[in-house]
Amino acid sequence: DLYQPQNASAVLRSAESFGIQDVHIIENNHAYHHYQSVSKGASKWLTVHRYAEQVNNTSSCFEYLKKKGYDIAVTHLSEEAIPLSSLPLEKPLAIVMGTELTGASDFAIANCDHQVQIPMFGFTESLNVATASGIICQEMKSRLNESDIRWQLSEEEQLALKIQWARHTVYWWEQLEETHL
């Protein structure tokens, strides 16, 4: 529910840069707008899921993720929050970040599996959402690379994704599909 479009676009850029494929955008109070100049084309390589049809789009998003087997971690400064480095990775994981001004919603905090925080050592108690997303993506990617967890897409999933990308980038994709598939 980010209200600054440049931040939403920067989050997409960070996600794509670290190999995240799916991004879920919740639009409760603020519509999502995309700034191509900030995302640098990242959005065309991502699978973006938008939740903007319900009164509580956070609930719709969480319900979808739970059905897909995801644990949900919400960034939040609290006594219950664990450091990013302690977040369990055995199950698929979605990390929810709140708005720039108010943080995560009460609903998100009450319905998550984990509260997580980025350890900070200065006097400032928060980071810009785009900066925080980059730190989170880098930390999770490093931890996954060092683990034995099989997190990569299967060959079939990779092929389906490449076909999807071609449909987004090649003008005559229908003719190519007809000829080659």
N, C-alpha and C. Protein backbone atom coordinates (compact mmCIF):
# COMPACT_ATOMS: atom_id res chain seq x y z
N ASP A 1 0.84 -1.19 0.00
CA ASP A 1 0.00 0.00 0.00
C ASP A 1 0.88 1.25 0.00
N LEU A 2 1.93 1.22 -0.80
CA LEU A 2 2.87 2.34 -0.85
C LEU A 2 2.24 3.53 -1.55
N TYR A 3 2.46 4.71 -1.02
CA TYR A 3 1.86 5.89 -1.63
C TYR A 3 2.86 6.70 -2.45
N GLN A 4 4.11 6.33 -2.44
CA GLN A 4 5.10 7.02 -3.27
C GLN A 4 5.51 6.08 -4.41
N PRO A 5 5.05 6.38 -5.63
CA PRO A 5 5.29 5.47 -6.76
C PRO A 5 6.76 5.17 -7.00
N GLN A 6 7.64 6.13 -6.76
CA GLN A 6 9.05 5.86 -6.98
C GLN A 6 9.56 4.77 -6.04
N ASN A 7 9.02 4.70 -4.82
CA ASN A 7 9.42 3.64 -3.89
C ASN A 7 8.92 2.29 -4.34
N ALA A 8 7.66 2.22 -4.79
CA ALA A 8 7.12 0.96 -5.30
C ALA A 8 7.95 0.47 -6.48
N SER A 9 8.31 1.36 -7.37
CA SER A 9 9.12 0.98 -8.54
C SER A 9 10.52 0.54 -8.14
N ALA A 10 11.09 1.18 -7.13
CA ALA A 10 12.42 0.79 -6.64
C ALA A 10 12.37 -0.58 -5.97
N VAL A 11 11.28 -0.89 -5.28
CA VAL A 11 11.13 -2.22 -4.68
C VAL A 11 11.11 -3.28 -5.78
N LEU A 12 10.38 -3.03 -6.87
CA LEU A 12 10.36 -3.97 -7.99
C LEU A 12 11.76 -4.18 -8.55
N ARG A 13 12.51 -3.12 -8.68
CA ARG A 13 13.88 -3.20 -9.20
C ARG A 13 14.75 -4.06 -8.29
N SER A 14 14.65 -3.86 -6.98
CA SER A 14 15.43 -4.67 -6.05
C SER A 14 15.03 -6.14 -6.14
N ALA A 15 13.74 -6.40 -6.15
CA ALA A 15 13.26 -7.78 -6.20
C ALA A 15 13.80 -8.49 -7.44
N GLU A 16 13.65 -7.87 -8.59
CA GLU A 16 14.09 -8.51 -9.84
C GLU A 16 15.61 -8.68 -9.84
N SER A 17 16.32 -7.71 -9.33
CA SER A 17 17.79 -7.77 -9.32
C SER A 17 18.32 -8.94 -8.50
N PHE A 18 17.57 -9.36 -7.48
CA PHE A 18 18.01 -10.46 -6.64
C PHE A 18 17.32 -11.78 -6.99
N GLY A 19 16.61 -11.82 -8.12
CA GLY A 19 16.06 -13.09 -8.59
C GLY A 19 14.70 -13.46 -8.03
N ILE A 20 14.02 -12.53 -7.40
CA ILE A 20 12.66 -12.81 -6.94
C ILE A 20 11.74 -12.71 -8.14
N GLN A 21 10.83 -13.64 -8.28
CA GLN A 21 9.94 -13.66 -9.44
C GLN A 21 8.58 -13.04 -9.16
N ASP A 22 8.00 -13.35 -8.01
CA ASP A 22 6.64 -12.91 -7.72
C ASP A 22 6.64 -11.76 -6.72
N VAL A 23 5.93 -10.70 -7.07
CA VAL A 23 5.75 -9.56 -6.19
C VAL A 23 4.25 -9.34 -6.06
N HIS A 24 3.79 -9.19 -4.83
CA HIS A 24 2.37 -8.98 -4.55
C HIS A 24 2.18 -7.55 -4.08
N ILE A 25 1.34 -6.81 -4.77
CA ILE A 25 1.10 -5.40 -4.45
C ILE A 25 -0.30 -5.25 -3.89
N ILE A 26 -0.36 -4.76 -2.67
CA ILE A 26 -1.63 -4.55 -1.97
C ILE A 26 -2.00 -3.07 -2.10
N GLU A 27 -3.22 -2.81 -2.58
CA GLU A 27 -3.68 -1.44 -2.77
C GLU A 27 -4.94 -1.22 -1.93
N ASN A 28 -4.75 -0.88 -0.66
CA ASN A 28 -5.90 -0.59 0.20
C ASN A 28 -6.30 0.88 0.12
N ASN A 29 -5.35 1.76 0.33
CA ASN A 29 -5.63 3.20 0.34
C ASN A 29 -4.95 3.94 -0.80
N HIS A 30 -3.95 3.33 -1.40
CA HIS A 30 -3.17 3.99 -2.43
C HIS A 30 -3.05 3.09 -3.66
N ALA A 31 -3.39 3.63 -4.82
CA ALA A 31 -3.26 2.88 -6.06
C ALA A 31 -1.78 2.76 -6.43
N TYR A 32 -1.44 1.63 -6.99
CA TYR A 32 -0.06 1.39 -7.45
C TYR A 32 0.15 2.12 -8.78
N HIS A 33 1.24 2.84 -8.86
CA HIS A 33 1.67 3.48 -10.11
C HIS A 33 3.11 3.08 -10.34
N HIS A 34 3.45 2.88 -11.58
CA HIS A 34 4.77 2.38 -11.94
C HIS A 34 5.58 3.48 -12.62
N TYR A 35 6.82 3.65 -12.18
CA TYR A 35 7.75 4.58 -12.81
C TYR A 35 8.83 3.76 -13.52
N GLN A 36 8.71 3.66 -14.83
CA GLN A 36 9.67 2.91 -15.64
C GLN A 36 11.09 3.43 -15.44
N SER A 37 11.24 4.74 -15.29
CA SER A 37 12.58 5.33 -15.14
C SER A 37 13.26 4.88 -13.84
N VAL A 38 12.48 4.50 -12.84
CA VAL A 38 13.04 4.03 -11.57
C VAL A 38 13.24 2.52 -11.60
N SER A 39 12.27 1.78 -12.12
CA SER A 39 12.38 0.31 -12.11
C SER A 39 13.35 -0.21 -13.15
N LYS A 40 13.70 0.61 -14.13
CA LYS A 40 14.66 0.23 -15.17
C LYS A 40 14.26 -1.04 -15.92
N GLY A 41 12.96 -1.23 -16.13
CA GLY A 41 12.47 -2.37 -16.90
C GLY A 41 12.23 -3.63 -16.08
N ALA A 42 12.48 -3.58 -14.79
CA ALA A 42 12.33 -4.79 -13.96
C ALA A 42 10.93 -5.36 -14.00
N SER A 43 9.92 -4.51 -14.12
CA SER A 43 8.54 -4.98 -14.03
C SER A 43 8.18 -5.95 -15.14
N LYS A 44 8.80 -5.86 -16.31
CA LYS A 44 8.45 -6.78 -17.39
C LYS A 44 9.00 -8.19 -17.16
N TRP A 45 9.91 -8.35 -16.22
CA TRP A 45 10.48 -9.66 -15.93
C TRP A 45 9.87 -10.29 -14.67
N LEU A 46 9.04 -9.54 -13.98
CA LEU A 46 8.42 -10.02 -12.74
C LEU A 46 6.99 -10.49 -12.99
N THR A 47 6.53 -11.36 -12.12
CA THR A 47 5.12 -11.72 -12.08
C THR A 47 4.51 -10.88 -10.97
N VAL A 48 3.73 -9.87 -11.36
CA VAL A 48 3.17 -8.93 -10.40
C VAL A 48 1.71 -9.29 -10.15
N HIS A 49 1.40 -9.53 -8.89
CA HIS A 49 0.03 -9.82 -8.46
C HIS A 49 -0.48 -8.57 -7.76
N ARG A 50 -1.63 -8.09 -8.20
CA ARG A 50 -2.20 -6.87 -7.59
C ARG A 50 -3.49 -7.20 -6.87
N TYR A 51 -3.66 -6.60 -5.70
CA TYR A 51 -4.86 -6.77 -4.89
C TYR A 51 -5.47 -5.39 -4.68
N ALA A 52 -6.55 -5.12 -5.43
CA ALA A 52 -7.15 -3.79 -5.37
C ALA A 52 -8.67 -3.83 -5.44
N GLU A 53 -9.26 -4.99 -5.34
CA GLU A 53 -10.71 -5.12 -5.56
C GLU A 53 -11.53 -5.19 -4.29
N GLN A 54 -10.94 -5.49 -3.17
CA GLN A 54 -11.67 -5.72 -1.93
C GLN A 54 -11.54 -4.53 -0.97
N VAL A 55 -12.30 -4.58 0.10
CA VAL A 55 -12.16 -3.58 1.15
C VAL A 55 -10.85 -3.78 1.89
N ASN A 56 -10.52 -5.06 2.20
CA ASN A 56 -9.27 -5.39 2.86
C ASN A 56 -8.45 -6.26 1.91
N ASN A 57 -7.68 -5.62 1.06
CA ASN A 57 -6.88 -6.34 0.08
C ASN A 57 -5.73 -7.11 0.73
N THR A 58 -5.33 -6.70 1.91
CA THR A 58 -4.30 -7.43 2.65
C THR A 58 -4.83 -8.83 2.96
N SER A 59 -6.06 -8.94 3.37
CA SER A 59 -6.68 -10.23 3.66
C SER A 59 -6.70 -11.11 2.41
N SER A 60 -7.06 -10.54 1.27
CA SER A 60 -7.10 -11.31 0.02
C SER A 60 -5.71 -11.82 -0.35
N CYS A 61 -4.71 -10.96 -0.20
CA CYS A 61 -3.34 -11.36 -0.50
C CYS A 61 -2.88 -12.47 0.43
N PHE A 62 -3.10 -12.30 1.74
CA PHE A 62 -2.67 -13.31 2.71
C PHE A 62 -3.37 -14.64 2.44
N GLU A 63 -4.64 -14.60 2.13
CA GLU A 63 -5.39 -15.82 1.85
C GLU A 63 -4.79 -16.55 0.65
N TYR A 64 -4.47 -15.82 -0.41
CA TYR A 64 -3.85 -16.42 -1.59
C TYR A 64 -2.51 -17.06 -1.24
N LEU A 65 -1.66 -16.31 -0.52
CA LEU A 65 -0.34 -16.82 -0.17
C LEU A 65 -0.42 -18.05 0.74
N LYS A 66 -1.33 -18.03 1.69
CA LYS A 66 -1.50 -19.18 2.60
C LYS A 66 -1.94 -20.42 1.82
N LYS A 67 -2.84 -20.26 0.85
CA LYS A 67 -3.29 -21.39 0.03
C LYS A 67 -2.14 -21.98 -0.78
N LYS A 68 -1.15 -21.15 -1.12
CA LYS A 68 0.02 -21.58 -1.87
C LYS A 68 1.12 -22.14 -0.96
N GLY A 69 0.87 -22.17 0.36
CA GLY A 69 1.83 -22.76 1.30
C GLY A 69 2.87 -21.82 1.86
N TYR A 70 2.65 -20.54 1.72
CA TYR A 70 3.62 -19.56 2.20
C TYR A 70 3.44 -19.24 3.68
N ASP A 71 4.57 -19.04 4.35
CA ASP A 71 4.61 -18.36 5.64
C ASP A 71 4.67 -16.88 5.32
N ILE A 72 4.12 -16.07 6.20
CA ILE A 72 4.12 -14.62 5.98
C ILE A 72 4.89 -13.95 7.11
N ALA A 73 5.90 -13.18 6.74
CA ALA A 73 6.68 -12.40 7.69
C ALA A 73 6.40 -10.92 7.42
N VAL A 74 6.17 -10.16 8.47
CA VAL A 74 5.89 -8.74 8.34
C VAL A 74 7.00 -7.96 9.02
N THR A 75 7.53 -6.97 8.32
CA THR A 75 8.52 -6.09 8.94
C THR A 75 7.81 -5.21 9.96
N HIS A 76 8.36 -5.23 11.18
CA HIS A 76 7.70 -4.48 12.26
C HIS A 76 8.68 -4.34 13.42
N LEU A 77 8.73 -3.15 13.97
CA LEU A 77 9.57 -2.92 15.14
C LEU A 77 8.75 -3.25 16.39
N SER A 78 9.06 -4.39 17.00
CA SER A 78 8.35 -4.81 18.21
C SER A 78 9.24 -5.75 19.00
N GLU A 79 8.81 -6.06 20.20
CA GLU A 79 9.54 -7.02 21.04
C GLU A 79 9.50 -8.43 20.44
N GLU A 80 8.45 -8.74 19.68
CA GLU A 80 8.29 -10.08 19.10
C GLU A 80 9.09 -10.26 17.81
N ALA A 81 9.54 -9.16 17.22
CA ALA A 81 10.23 -9.23 15.94
C ALA A 81 11.59 -9.89 16.09
N ILE A 82 11.89 -10.78 15.17
CA ILE A 82 13.18 -11.46 15.14
C ILE A 82 14.07 -10.82 14.08
N PRO A 83 15.37 -10.95 14.21
CA PRO A 83 16.26 -10.42 13.18
C PRO A 83 16.06 -11.17 11.86
N LEU A 84 16.28 -10.49 10.79
CA LEU A 84 16.16 -11.07 9.45
C LEU A 84 16.96 -12.37 9.33
N SER A 85 18.11 -12.42 9.96
CA SER A 85 18.99 -13.59 9.87
C SER A 85 18.41 -14.80 10.59
N SER A 86 17.39 -14.63 11.42
CA SER A 86 16.78 -15.75 12.15
C SER A 86 15.47 -16.23 11.52
N LEU A 87 15.06 -15.62 10.45
CA LEU A 87 13.81 -15.97 9.81
C LEU A 87 13.90 -17.37 9.21
N PRO A 88 12.97 -18.29 9.56
CA PRO A 88 13.03 -19.64 9.01
C PRO A 88 12.78 -19.65 7.50
N LEU A 89 13.53 -20.47 6.78
CA LEU A 89 13.43 -20.53 5.32
C LEU A 89 12.97 -21.89 4.80
N GLU A 90 12.52 -22.76 5.68
CA GLU A 90 12.16 -24.12 5.25
C GLU A 90 10.90 -24.15 4.38
N LYS A 91 10.02 -23.18 4.56
CA LYS A 91 8.80 -23.09 3.76
C LYS A 91 8.93 -21.89 2.84
N PRO A 92 8.14 -21.87 1.77
CA PRO A 92 8.11 -20.63 0.97
C PRO A 92 7.75 -19.46 1.88
N LEU A 93 8.31 -18.30 1.58
CA LEU A 93 8.18 -17.16 2.47
C LEU A 93 7.82 -15.90 1.70
N ALA A 94 6.84 -15.18 2.21
CA ALA A 94 6.50 -13.85 1.70
C ALA A 94 6.84 -12.85 2.78
N ILE A 95 7.53 -11.79 2.40
CA ILE A 95 7.87 -10.75 3.36
C ILE A 95 7.05 -9.52 3.01
N VAL A 96 6.30 -9.05 3.99
CA VAL A 96 5.40 -7.92 3.80
C VAL A 96 6.03 -6.68 4.40
N MET A 97 6.02 -5.62 3.62
CA MET A 97 6.54 -4.34 4.09
C MET A 97 5.39 -3.35 4.10
N GLY A 98 5.35 -2.51 5.11
CA GLY A 98 4.28 -1.55 5.25
C GLY A 98 4.51 -0.28 4.46
N THR A 99 3.63 0.68 4.67
CA THR A 99 3.74 1.96 3.99
C THR A 99 4.90 2.77 4.56
N GLU A 100 5.29 3.77 3.81
CA GLU A 100 6.41 4.60 4.20
C GLU A 100 6.14 5.34 5.51
N LEU A 101 4.90 5.71 5.74
CA LEU A 101 4.57 6.54 6.89
C LEU A 101 4.19 5.74 8.12
N THR A 102 3.31 4.76 7.95
CA THR A 102 2.74 4.08 9.12
C THR A 102 3.23 2.65 9.32
N GLY A 103 4.00 2.11 8.40
CA GLY A 103 4.46 0.74 8.53
C GLY A 103 3.37 -0.26 8.16
N ALA A 104 3.50 -1.47 8.66
CA ALA A 104 2.54 -2.53 8.36
C ALA A 104 1.22 -2.27 9.08
N SER A 105 0.15 -2.74 8.46
CA SER A 105 -1.18 -2.54 9.04
C SER A 105 -1.37 -3.45 10.26
N ASP A 106 -2.32 -3.08 11.10
CA ASP A 106 -2.65 -3.91 12.26
C ASP A 106 -3.09 -5.30 11.80
N PHE A 107 -3.84 -5.36 10.69
CA PHE A 107 -4.29 -6.65 10.16
C PHE A 107 -3.08 -7.51 9.78
N ALA A 108 -2.11 -6.93 9.08
CA ALA A 108 -0.93 -7.69 8.65
C ALA A 108 -0.16 -8.21 9.86
N ILE A 109 0.01 -7.38 10.86
CA ILE A 109 0.76 -7.78 12.06
C ILE A 109 0.03 -8.89 12.80
N ALA A 110 -1.28 -8.78 12.92
CA ALA A 110 -2.07 -9.77 13.66
C ALA A 110 -2.19 -11.10 12.92
N ASN A 111 -2.00 -11.11 11.60
CA ASN A 111 -2.23 -12.32 10.82
C ASN A 111 -0.97 -12.90 10.18
N CYS A 112 0.18 -12.46 10.62
CA CYS A 112 1.42 -12.98 10.05
C CYS A 112 1.93 -14.17 10.88
N ASP A 113 2.86 -14.91 10.30
CA ASP A 113 3.51 -16.02 11.00
C ASP A 113 4.74 -15.55 11.77
N HIS A 114 5.36 -14.48 11.27
CA HIS A 114 6.59 -13.96 11.88
C HIS A 114 6.60 -12.44 11.78
N GLN A 115 7.11 -11.81 12.81
CA GLN A 115 7.45 -10.40 12.74
C GLN A 115 8.97 -10.34 12.62
N VAL A 116 9.45 -9.52 11.73
CA VAL A 116 10.88 -9.49 11.46
C VAL A 116 11.35 -8.04 11.39
N GLN A 117 12.61 -7.85 11.74
CA GLN A 117 13.19 -6.51 11.65
C GLN A 117 14.61 -6.60 11.11
N ILE A 118 15.02 -5.53 10.49
CA ILE A 118 16.39 -5.40 10.02
C ILE A 118 17.18 -4.78 11.17
N PRO A 119 18.18 -5.49 11.69
CA PRO A 119 18.96 -4.91 12.79
C PRO A 119 19.64 -3.60 12.34
N MET A 120 19.47 -2.58 13.15
CA MET A 120 20.08 -1.27 12.87
C MET A 120 20.84 -0.83 14.11
N PHE A 121 21.85 -0.02 13.91
CA PHE A 121 22.73 0.32 15.02
C PHE A 121 22.84 1.81 15.29
N GLY A 122 22.24 2.62 14.46
CA GLY A 122 22.25 4.08 14.68
C GLY A 122 21.02 4.51 15.46
N PHE A 123 20.79 5.78 15.49
CA PHE A 123 19.66 6.34 16.23
C PHE A 123 18.37 6.31 15.42
N THR A 124 18.47 6.29 14.10
CA THR A 124 17.29 6.27 13.25
C THR A 124 16.60 4.92 13.38
N GLU A 125 15.29 4.93 13.54
CA GLU A 125 14.55 3.69 13.80
C GLU A 125 13.89 3.08 12.57
N SER A 126 14.08 3.67 11.41
CA SER A 126 13.46 3.09 10.22
C SER A 126 14.30 3.38 8.99
N LEU A 127 14.04 2.59 7.97
CA LEU A 127 14.70 2.77 6.68
C LEU A 127 13.65 3.08 5.63
N ASN A 128 14.05 3.73 4.58
CA ASN A 128 13.19 3.91 3.42
C ASN A 128 12.78 2.53 2.92
N VAL A 129 11.54 2.36 2.48
CA VAL A 129 11.03 1.05 2.09
C VAL A 129 11.83 0.45 0.93
N ALA A 130 12.29 1.28 0.03
CA ALA A 130 13.09 0.77 -1.10
C ALA A 130 14.45 0.26 -0.61
N THR A 131 15.06 0.98 0.31
CA THR A 131 16.33 0.55 0.88
C THR A 131 16.14 -0.74 1.67
N ALA A 132 15.10 -0.78 2.49
CA ALA A 132 14.82 -1.98 3.29
C ALA A 132 14.58 -3.19 2.39
N SER A 133 13.87 -3.00 1.29
CA SER A 133 13.60 -4.14 0.40
C SER A 133 14.90 -4.68 -0.20
N GLY A 134 15.81 -3.80 -0.55
CA GLY A 134 17.10 -4.25 -1.09
C GLY A 134 17.89 -5.04 -0.07
N ILE A 135 17.90 -4.58 1.17
CA ILE A 135 18.61 -5.29 2.24
C ILE A 135 17.98 -6.66 2.46
N ILE A 136 16.66 -6.71 2.52
CA ILE A 136 15.94 -7.97 2.74
C ILE A 136 16.22 -8.94 1.59
N CYS A 137 16.12 -8.47 0.36
CA CYS A 137 16.37 -9.34 -0.79
C CYS A 137 17.79 -9.91 -0.77
N GLN A 138 18.76 -9.06 -0.47
CA GLN A 138 20.15 -9.51 -0.45
C GLN A 138 20.37 -10.53 0.66
N GLU A 139 19.83 -10.28 1.84
CA GLU A 139 20.00 -11.19 2.97
C GLU A 139 19.36 -12.55 2.67
N MET A 140 18.15 -12.54 2.15
CA MET A 140 17.44 -13.80 1.87
C MET A 140 18.14 -14.58 0.77
N LYS A 141 18.58 -13.88 -0.28
CA LYS A 141 19.28 -14.54 -1.38
C LYS A 141 20.59 -15.17 -0.88
N SER A 142 21.33 -14.46 -0.06
CA SER A 142 22.58 -15.01 0.49
C SER A 142 22.31 -16.24 1.34
N ARG A 143 21.30 -16.16 2.19
CA ARG A 143 20.98 -17.30 3.06
C ARG A 143 20.52 -18.50 2.24
N LEU A 144 19.73 -18.27 1.21
CA LEU A 144 19.28 -19.39 0.37
C LEU A 144 20.46 -20.02 -0.38
N ASN A 145 21.35 -19.19 -0.90
CA ASN A 145 22.52 -19.70 -1.63
C ASN A 145 23.42 -20.54 -0.73
N GLU A 146 23.49 -20.21 0.55
CA GLU A 146 24.34 -20.95 1.49
C GLU A 146 23.65 -22.18 2.05
N SER A 147 22.36 -22.33 1.78
CA SER A 147 21.60 -23.45 2.34
C SER A 147 21.51 -24.62 1.37
N ASP A 148 20.94 -25.72 1.85
CA ASP A 148 20.66 -26.88 1.02
C ASP A 148 19.22 -26.86 0.50
N ILE A 149 18.52 -25.77 0.72
CA ILE A 149 17.12 -25.66 0.32
C ILE A 149 17.03 -25.57 -1.20
N ARG A 150 16.15 -26.38 -1.79
CA ARG A 150 15.92 -26.35 -3.24
C ARG A 150 14.89 -25.26 -3.53
N TRP A 151 15.37 -24.06 -3.84
CA TRP A 151 14.49 -22.91 -4.03
C TRP A 151 14.35 -22.52 -5.51
N GLN A 152 15.19 -23.06 -6.37
CA GLN A 152 15.17 -22.67 -7.77
C GLN A 152 13.94 -23.24 -8.49
N LEU A 153 13.57 -22.61 -9.59
CA LEU A 153 12.48 -23.10 -10.42
C LEU A 153 12.89 -24.39 -11.11
N SER A 154 11.93 -25.28 -11.30
CA SER A 154 12.19 -26.51 -12.06
C SER A 154 12.40 -26.14 -13.53
N GLU A 155 12.88 -27.10 -14.33
CA GLU A 155 13.07 -26.84 -15.76
C GLU A 155 11.76 -26.48 -16.44
N GLU A 156 10.68 -27.15 -16.05
CA GLU A 156 9.36 -26.86 -16.63
C GLU A 156 8.90 -25.45 -16.26
N GLU A 157 9.12 -25.05 -14.99
CA GLU A 157 8.75 -23.70 -14.56
C GLU A 157 9.58 -22.64 -15.28
N GLN A 158 10.86 -22.95 -15.49
CA GLN A 158 11.73 -22.01 -16.21
C GLN A 158 11.25 -21.82 -17.65
N LEU A 159 10.89 -22.92 -18.31
CA LEU A 159 10.40 -22.83 -19.69
C LEU A 159 9.11 -22.02 -19.76
N ALA A 160 8.18 -22.29 -18.85
CA ALA A 160 6.92 -21.54 -18.83
C ALA A 160 7.18 -20.04 -18.62
N LEU A 161 8.12 -19.72 -17.77
CA LEU A 161 8.46 -18.32 -17.51
C LEU A 161 9.11 -17.68 -18.73
N LYS A 162 9.98 -18.40 -19.40
CA LYS A 162 10.62 -17.86 -20.60
C LYS A 162 9.59 -17.60 -21.70
N ILE A 163 8.61 -18.48 -21.82
CA ILE A 163 7.53 -18.26 -22.79
C ILE A 163 6.73 -17.02 -22.41
N GLN A 164 6.43 -16.88 -21.13
CA GLN A 164 5.71 -15.70 -20.66
C GLN A 164 6.49 -14.43 -20.97
N TRP A 165 7.80 -14.44 -20.70
CA TRP A 165 8.64 -13.27 -20.97
C TRP A 165 8.64 -12.95 -22.47
N ALA A 166 8.74 -14.00 -23.30
CA ALA A 166 8.74 -13.77 -24.74
C ALA A 166 7.43 -13.12 -25.19
N ARG A 167 6.33 -13.53 -24.58
CA ARG A 167 5.04 -12.93 -24.92
C ARG A 167 5.01 -11.44 -24.59
N HIS A 168 5.75 -11.05 -23.56
CA HIS A 168 5.77 -9.64 -23.16
C HIS A 168 6.74 -8.81 -23.99
N THR A 169 7.73 -9.45 -24.60
CA THR A 169 8.79 -8.67 -25.24
C THR A 169 8.87 -8.82 -26.75
N VAL A 170 8.31 -9.87 -27.31
CA VAL A 170 8.40 -10.10 -28.76
C VAL A 170 7.05 -9.76 -29.39
N TYR A 171 7.09 -8.85 -30.35
CA TYR A 171 5.87 -8.37 -30.98
C TYR A 171 5.09 -9.51 -31.67
N TRP A 172 5.79 -10.40 -32.33
CA TRP A 172 5.15 -11.47 -33.11
C TRP A 172 5.17 -12.81 -32.38
N TRP A 173 5.01 -12.80 -31.06
CA TRP A 173 5.10 -14.01 -30.25
C TRP A 173 4.09 -15.07 -30.67
N GLU A 174 2.89 -14.67 -31.09
CA GLU A 174 1.87 -15.67 -31.47
C GLU A 174 2.33 -16.52 -32.65
N GLN A 175 2.94 -15.88 -33.66
CA GLN A 175 3.45 -16.62 -34.81
C GLN A 175 4.59 -17.56 -34.39
N LEU A 176 5.47 -17.07 -33.53
CA LEU A 176 6.58 -17.91 -33.06
C LEU A 176 6.06 -19.11 -32.28
N GLU A 177 5.10 -18.90 -31.42
CA GLU A 177 4.52 -20.01 -30.65
C GLU A 177 3.88 -21.02 -31.57
N GLU A 178 3.14 -20.54 -32.55
CA GLU A 178 2.48 -21.45 -33.50
C GLU A 178 3.50 -22.31 -34.23
N THR A 179 4.60 -21.70 -34.63
CA THR A 179 5.63 -22.40 -35.39
C THR A 179 6.43 -23.38 -34.53
N HIS A 180 6.78 -22.97 -33.30
CA HIS A 180 7.73 -23.74 -32.49
C HIS A 180 7.13 -24.57 -31.36
N LEU A 181 5.90 -24.30 -31.01
CA LEU A 181 5.29 -25.10 -29.94
C LEU A 181 4.16 -25.94 -30.50
